[in-house]
C-alpha atoms as a PDB file:
ATOM      1  CA  MET A   1     -27.142  11.052  49.944  1.00  0.00           C
ATOM      2  CA  LEU A   2     -26.704   9.618  46.702  1.00  0.00           C
ATOM      3  CA  SER A   3     -29.613  10.261  44.221  1.00  0.00           C
ATOM      4  CA  LYS A   4     -31.161   6.796  42.795  1.00  0.00           C
ATOM      5  CA  ASN A   5     -29.652   7.863  39.392  1.00  0.00           C
ATOM      6  CA  ILE A   6     -26.283   8.346  40.840  1.00  0.00           C
ATOM      7  CA  GLU A   7     -26.714   4.918  42.772  1.00  0.00           C
ATOM      8  CA  THR A   8     -27.441   3.236  39.360  1.00  0.00           C
ATOM      9  CA  ALA A   9     -24.473   4.274  37.498  1.00  0.00           C
ATOM     10  CA  LEU A  10     -22.753   3.751  40.156  1.00  0.00           C
ATOM     11  CA  ASN A  11     -23.868   0.073  40.709  1.00  0.00           C
ATOM     12  CA  LYS A  12     -23.127  -0.077  36.763  1.00  0.00           C
ATOM     13  CA  GLN A  13     -19.836   0.425  37.120  1.00  0.00           C
ATOM     14  CA  ILE A  14     -19.260  -2.026  40.431  1.00  0.00           C
ATOM     15  CA  ARG A  15     -20.276  -4.328  37.990  1.00  0.00           C
ATOM     16  CA  ILE A  16     -18.335  -3.355  35.173  1.00  0.00           C
ATOM     17  CA  GLU A  17     -14.861  -3.656  37.337  1.00  0.00           C
ATOM     18  CA  ALA A  18     -15.607  -6.858  38.582  1.00  0.00           C
ATOM     19  CA  GLU A  19     -16.295  -8.013  35.160  1.00  0.00           C
ATOM     20  CA  SER A  20     -12.504  -6.021  34.137  1.00  0.00           C
ATOM     21  CA  SER A  21     -11.507  -8.131  37.490  1.00  0.00           C
ATOM     22  CA  GLN A  22     -12.462 -11.104  35.168  1.00  0.00           C
ATOM     23  CA  VAL A  23     -10.984 -10.040  32.189  1.00  0.00           C
ATOM     24  CA  TYR A  24      -7.815 -10.323  33.375  1.00  0.00           C
ATOM     25  CA  LEU A  25      -8.267 -13.403  35.461  1.00  0.00           C
ATOM     26  CA  SER A  26      -9.327 -14.542  32.468  1.00  0.00           C
ATOM     27  CA  MET A  27      -6.570 -13.694  30.203  1.00  0.00           C
ATOM     28  CA  ALA A  28      -3.568 -14.724  33.655  1.00  0.00           C
ATOM     29  CA  CYS A  29      -5.304 -18.260  32.643  1.00  0.00           C
ATOM     30  CA  TRP A  30      -4.821 -17.798  29.299  1.00  0.00           C
ATOM     31  CA  ALA A  31      -1.075 -16.963  29.378  1.00  0.00           C
ATOM     32  CA  GLU A  32       0.381 -19.612  32.234  1.00  0.00           C
ATOM     33  CA  VAL A  33      -1.426 -22.283  29.952  1.00  0.00           C
ATOM     34  CA  GLN A  34       0.434 -20.953  27.154  1.00  0.00           C
ATOM     35  CA  GLY A  35       3.836 -20.373  29.296  1.00  0.00           C
ATOM     36  CA  LEU A  36       3.935 -17.114  29.501  1.00  0.00           C
ATOM     37  CA  GLU A  37       4.757 -16.986  32.739  1.00  0.00           C
ATOM     38  CA  GLY A  38       5.585 -13.358  33.294  1.00  0.00           C
ATOM     39  CA  VAL A  39       2.230 -12.412  31.327  1.00  0.00           C
ATOM     40  CA  ALA A  40       0.373 -14.529  34.349  1.00  0.00           C
ATOM     41  CA  GLN A  41       1.771 -12.507  36.891  1.00  0.00           C
ATOM     42  CA  PHE A  42       1.120  -9.207  35.549  1.00  0.00           C
ATOM     43  CA  MET A  43      -2.311 -10.318  34.935  1.00  0.00           C
ATOM     44  CA  TYR A  44      -3.122 -11.840  37.997  1.00  0.00           C
ATOM     45  CA  ARG A  45      -2.151  -8.733  39.569  1.00  0.00           C
ATOM     46  CA  GLN A  46      -3.969  -6.215  37.220  1.00  0.00           C
ATOM     47  CA  SER A  47      -7.036  -8.002  38.470  1.00  0.00           C
ATOM     48  CA  ASP A  48      -6.681  -8.085  42.189  1.00  0.00           C
ATOM     49  CA  GLU A  49      -6.426  -4.178  40.993  1.00  0.00           C
ATOM     50  CA  GLU A  50      -9.315  -3.948  39.123  1.00  0.00           C
ATOM     51  CA  ARG A  51     -11.161  -5.802  42.187  1.00  0.00           C
ATOM     52  CA  MET A  52     -10.175  -3.172  44.502  1.00  0.00           C
ATOM     53  CA  HIS A  53     -11.594  -0.069  42.171  1.00  0.00           C
ATOM     54  CA  MET A  54     -14.364  -2.399  42.486  1.00  0.00           C
ATOM     55  CA  LEU A  55     -14.360  -2.394  46.539  1.00  0.00           C
ATOM     56  CA  LYS A  56     -13.931   1.458  46.510  1.00  0.00           C
ATOM     57  CA  LEU A  57     -16.990   1.660  44.507  1.00  0.00           C
ATOM     58  CA  ILE A  58     -18.782  -0.741  46.524  1.00  0.00           C
ATOM     59  CA  LYS A  59     -17.691   1.547  49.702  1.00  0.00           C
ATOM     60  CA  TYR A  60     -18.404   4.687  48.625  1.00  0.00           C
ATOM     61  CA  VAL A  61     -22.359   3.735  47.923  1.00  0.00           C
ATOM     62  CA  ASN A  62     -22.745   2.297  51.124  1.00  0.00           C
ATOM     63  CA  GLU A  63     -21.062   5.148  52.498  1.00  0.00           C
ATOM     64  CA  ARG A  64     -23.479   7.867  50.971  1.00  0.00           C
ATOM     65  CA  GLY A  65     -26.570   6.391  51.961  1.00  0.00           C
ATOM     66  CA  GLY A  66     -26.617   4.038  48.850  1.00  0.00           C
ATOM     67  CA  HIS A  67     -26.749   0.277  48.749  1.00  0.00           C
ATOM     68  CA  ALA A  68     -24.238  -1.475  46.500  1.00  0.00           C
ATOM     69  CA  SER A  69     -25.677  -4.352  44.100  1.00  0.00           C
ATOM     70  CA  ILE A  70     -23.525  -7.381  43.169  1.00  0.00           C
ATOM     71  CA  THR A  71     -24.639  -8.776  40.183  1.00  0.00           C
ATOM     72  CA  ASP A  72     -24.530 -11.389  38.138  1.00  0.00           C
ATOM     73  CA  LEU A  73     -21.369 -11.363  35.546  1.00  0.00           C
ATOM     74  CA  LYS A  74     -21.114 -11.950  31.998  1.00  0.00           C
ATOM     75  CA  ALA A  75     -18.119 -14.754  31.321  1.00  0.00           C
ATOM     76  CA  PRO A  76     -15.105 -13.403  30.205  1.00  0.00           C
ATOM     77  CA  LYS A  77     -13.665 -14.756  26.698  1.00  0.00           C
ATOM     78  CA  ALA A  78     -11.310 -17.630  27.739  1.00  0.00           C
ATOM     79  CA  VAL A  79      -8.900 -18.261  24.289  1.00  0.00           C
ATOM     80  CA  PHE A  80      -7.397 -15.600  22.361  1.00  0.00           C
ATOM     81  CA  GLY A  81      -5.259 -16.543  19.573  1.00  0.00           C
ATOM     82  CA  THR A  82      -1.680 -14.715  20.229  1.00  0.00           C
ATOM     83  CA  PHE A  83      -0.492 -13.132  22.868  1.00  0.00           C
ATOM     84  CA  LYS A  84      -0.479 -10.121  20.670  1.00  0.00           C
ATOM     85  CA  GLU A  85      -4.772 -10.297  19.908  1.00  0.00           C
ATOM     86  CA  MET A  86      -5.212 -10.478  24.209  1.00  0.00           C
ATOM     87  CA  PHE A  87      -2.591  -7.211  24.481  1.00  0.00           C
ATOM     88  CA  THR A  88      -5.299  -5.829  21.937  1.00  0.00           C
ATOM     89  CA  GLU A  89      -8.562  -6.672  23.608  1.00  0.00           C
ATOM     90  CA  LEU A  90      -7.135  -5.397  26.802  1.00  0.00           C
ATOM     91  CA  TYR A  91      -6.374  -1.637  25.120  1.00  0.00           C
ATOM     92  CA  GLN A  92      -9.862  -2.188  23.547  1.00  0.00           C
ATOM     93  CA  HIS A  93     -11.244  -3.076  27.571  1.00  0.00           C
ATOM     94  CA  GLU A  94      -9.482   0.119  29.058  1.00  0.00           C
ATOM     95  CA  LEU A  95     -10.610   2.452  26.067  1.00  0.00           C
ATOM     96  CA  PHE A  96     -14.412   0.714  27.231  1.00  0.00           C
ATOM     97  CA  VAL A  97     -13.767   1.201  30.971  1.00  0.00           C
ATOM     98  CA  SER A  98     -12.397   4.739  30.432  1.00  0.00           C
ATOM     99  CA  ASN A  99     -15.343   6.078  28.628  1.00  0.00           C
ATOM    100  CA  SER A 100     -17.936   4.245  31.369  1.00  0.00           C
ATOM    101  CA  ILE A 101     -15.781   7.002  33.911  1.00  0.00           C
ATOM    102  CA  ASN A 102     -16.158   9.451  31.676  1.00  0.00           C
ATOM    103  CA  GLU A 103     -20.181   8.779  31.280  1.00  0.00           C
ATOM    104  CA  LEU A 104     -20.345   8.160  34.819  1.00  0.00           C
ATOM    105  CA  VAL A 105     -18.597  11.518  35.887  1.00  0.00           C
ATOM    106  CA  HIS A 106     -20.968  13.180  33.557  1.00  0.00           C
ATOM    107  CA  VAL A 107     -23.683  11.986  35.195  1.00  0.00           C
ATOM    108  CA  ALA A 108     -22.507  13.543  38.604  1.00  0.00           C
ATOM    109  CA  PHE A 109     -22.283  16.908  37.219  1.00  0.00           C
ATOM    110  CA  ASP A 110     -25.212  17.076  35.547  1.00  0.00           C
ATOM    111  CA  GLU A 111     -26.745  16.017  38.706  1.00  0.00           C
ATOM    112  CA  LYS A 112     -24.994  18.571  40.409  1.00  0.00           C
ATOM    113  CA  ASP A 113     -23.291  15.949  43.087  1.00  0.00           C
ATOM    114  CA  TYR A 114     -19.714  17.734  43.737  1.00  0.00           C
ATOM    115  CA  ALA A 115     -18.692  14.847  46.236  1.00  0.00           C
ATOM    116  CA  THR A 116     -18.868  12.123  43.570  1.00  0.00           C
ATOM    117  CA  HIS A 117     -17.624  14.178  40.990  1.00  0.00           C
ATOM    118  CA  ASN A 118     -14.723  14.956  42.835  1.00  0.00           C
ATOM    119  CA  PHE A 119     -14.143  10.705  43.935  1.00  0.00           C
ATOM    120  CA  LEU A 120     -14.699  10.283  40.935  1.00  0.00           C
ATOM    121  CA  GLN A 121     -11.580  12.435  39.671  1.00  0.00           C
ATOM    122  CA  TRP A 122      -9.152   9.101  41.208  1.00  0.00           C
ATOM    123  CA  TYR A 123     -10.856   7.034  38.894  1.00  0.00           C
ATOM    124  CA  VAL A 124     -10.415   9.510  36.049  1.00  0.00           C
ATOM    125  CA  ALA A 125      -6.145   9.722  36.914  1.00  0.00           C
ATOM    126  CA  GLU A 126      -5.534   6.119  36.682  1.00  0.00           C
ATOM    127  CA  GLN A 127      -7.586   5.681  33.617  1.00  0.00           C
ATOM    128  CA  ILE A 128      -5.430   7.247  32.058  1.00  0.00           C
ATOM    129  CA  GLU A 129      -2.353   5.739  33.806  1.00  0.00           C
ATOM    130  CA  GLU A 130      -3.903   2.034  32.406  1.00  0.00           C
ATOM    131  CA  GLU A 131      -4.705   3.121  29.263  1.00  0.00           C
ATOM    132  CA  ALA A 132      -0.676   4.270  28.844  1.00  0.00           C
ATOM    133  CA  GLN A 133       0.430   0.987  30.691  1.00  0.00           C
ATOM    134  CA  ALA A 134      -1.593  -0.998  27.654  1.00  0.00           C
ATOM    135  CA  LYS A 135      -0.368   1.545  24.834  1.00  0.00           C
ATOM    136  CA  THR A 136       2.669   0.496  26.195  1.00  0.00           C
ATOM    137  CA  ILE A 137       2.695  -2.628  26.247  1.00  0.00           C
ATOM    138  CA  LEU A 138       1.244  -2.695  22.103  1.00  0.00           C
ATOM    139  CA  ASP A 139       3.878  -0.664  21.556  1.00  0.00           C
ATOM    140  CA  LYS A 140       6.607  -3.411  22.594  1.00  0.00           C
ATOM    141  CA  ILE A 141       5.051  -6.238  21.150  1.00  0.00           C
ATOM    142  CA  ASN A 142       4.711  -4.453  18.068  1.00  0.00           C
ATOM    143  CA  LEU A 143       8.565  -4.077  17.725  1.00  0.00           C
ATOM    144  CA  ILE A 144       9.028  -7.827  18.726  1.00  0.00           C
ATOM    145  CA  GLY A 145       6.940  -8.717  15.819  1.00  0.00           C
ATOM    146  CA  ASP A 146       7.282 -12.795  15.504  1.00  0.00           C
ATOM    147  CA  ASP A 147      11.225 -13.134  17.225  1.00  0.00           C
ATOM    148  CA  LYS A 148      10.329 -15.570  20.075  1.00  0.00           C
ATOM    149  CA  GLY A 149      13.468 -14.132  21.763  1.00  0.00           C
ATOM    150  CA  GLY A 150      12.226 -11.057  22.242  1.00  0.00           C
ATOM    151  CA  LEU A 151       8.958 -12.860  23.173  1.00  0.00           C
ATOM    152  CA  TYR A 152      10.790 -14.642  25.905  1.00  0.00           C
ATOM    153  CA  LEU A 153      12.204 -11.116  27.147  1.00  0.00           C
ATOM    154  CA  PHE A 154       9.026  -9.196  27.013  1.00  0.00           C
ATOM    155  CA  ASP A 155       7.427 -12.069  28.900  1.00  0.00           C
ATOM    156  CA  ARG A 156      10.672 -11.569  32.158  1.00  0.00           C
ATOM    157  CA  ASP A 157      10.524  -8.402  31.780  1.00  0.00           C
ATOM    158  CA  ILE A 158       6.631  -7.240  31.579  1.00  0.00           C
ATOM    159  CA  GLN A 159       6.750  -8.443  35.740  1.00  0.00           C
ATOM    160  CA  GLN A 160       8.492  -5.171  36.231  1.00  0.00           C
ATOM    161  CA  ILE A 161       6.786  -2.869  34.354  1.00  0.00           C
ATOM    162  CA  THR A 162       6.025   0.475  35.031  1.00  0.00           C
ATOM    163  CA  VAL A 163       4.539   3.377  33.404  1.00  0.00           C
ATOM    164  CA  THR A 164       4.386   7.058  34.005  1.00  0.00           C
ATOM    165  CA  SER A 165       2.093   8.885  32.566  1.00  0.00           C
ATOM    166  CA  SER A 166       1.526  12.727  32.688  1.00  0.00           C
ATOM    167  CA  VAL A 167      -0.814  12.006  35.210  1.00  0.00           C
ATOM    168  CA  GLY A 168       1.601  10.602  37.245  1.00  0.00           C
ATOM    169  CA  ILE A 169       4.614  12.850  36.404  1.00  0.00           C
ATOM    170  CA  ASN A 170       3.654  14.891  40.040  1.00  0.00           C
ATOM    171  CA  LYS A 171       3.227  11.691  42.187  1.00  0.00           C
END
């Protein structure tokens, strides 16, 4: 059975995951309009993944005797100056989500809710991978600079990007 404090904290994270899905979806729309089909497809997949993170939390809250709440969402930014600015914002957003997950883990530990603490370890590992992927993409974008040919290749190659973080080495 979840405490009210844990339920509230988990519901806050549900909203953050839903908003993350919307952020990626908005980025996908922008990239698609800019002719960056590979980036758009990558962002659509990321949006779906964030939605699955949200659904996993919803099921957990409901299974543990809580009530997952679905709330209104803050509209994401719709226009980005450059694709580099967009990916910089994406990286900053992933850092924000990681911080939120860490706060949630802290609440679970303080409340001695070890089942929730254990459940959240998947999210901790997932965020390590999300941050590593966003950082790798930014590094590649910085290598490209203003090279249009490089942008073309990046747009094609991002569809196959895989990053193995320190967490994923033993998988």
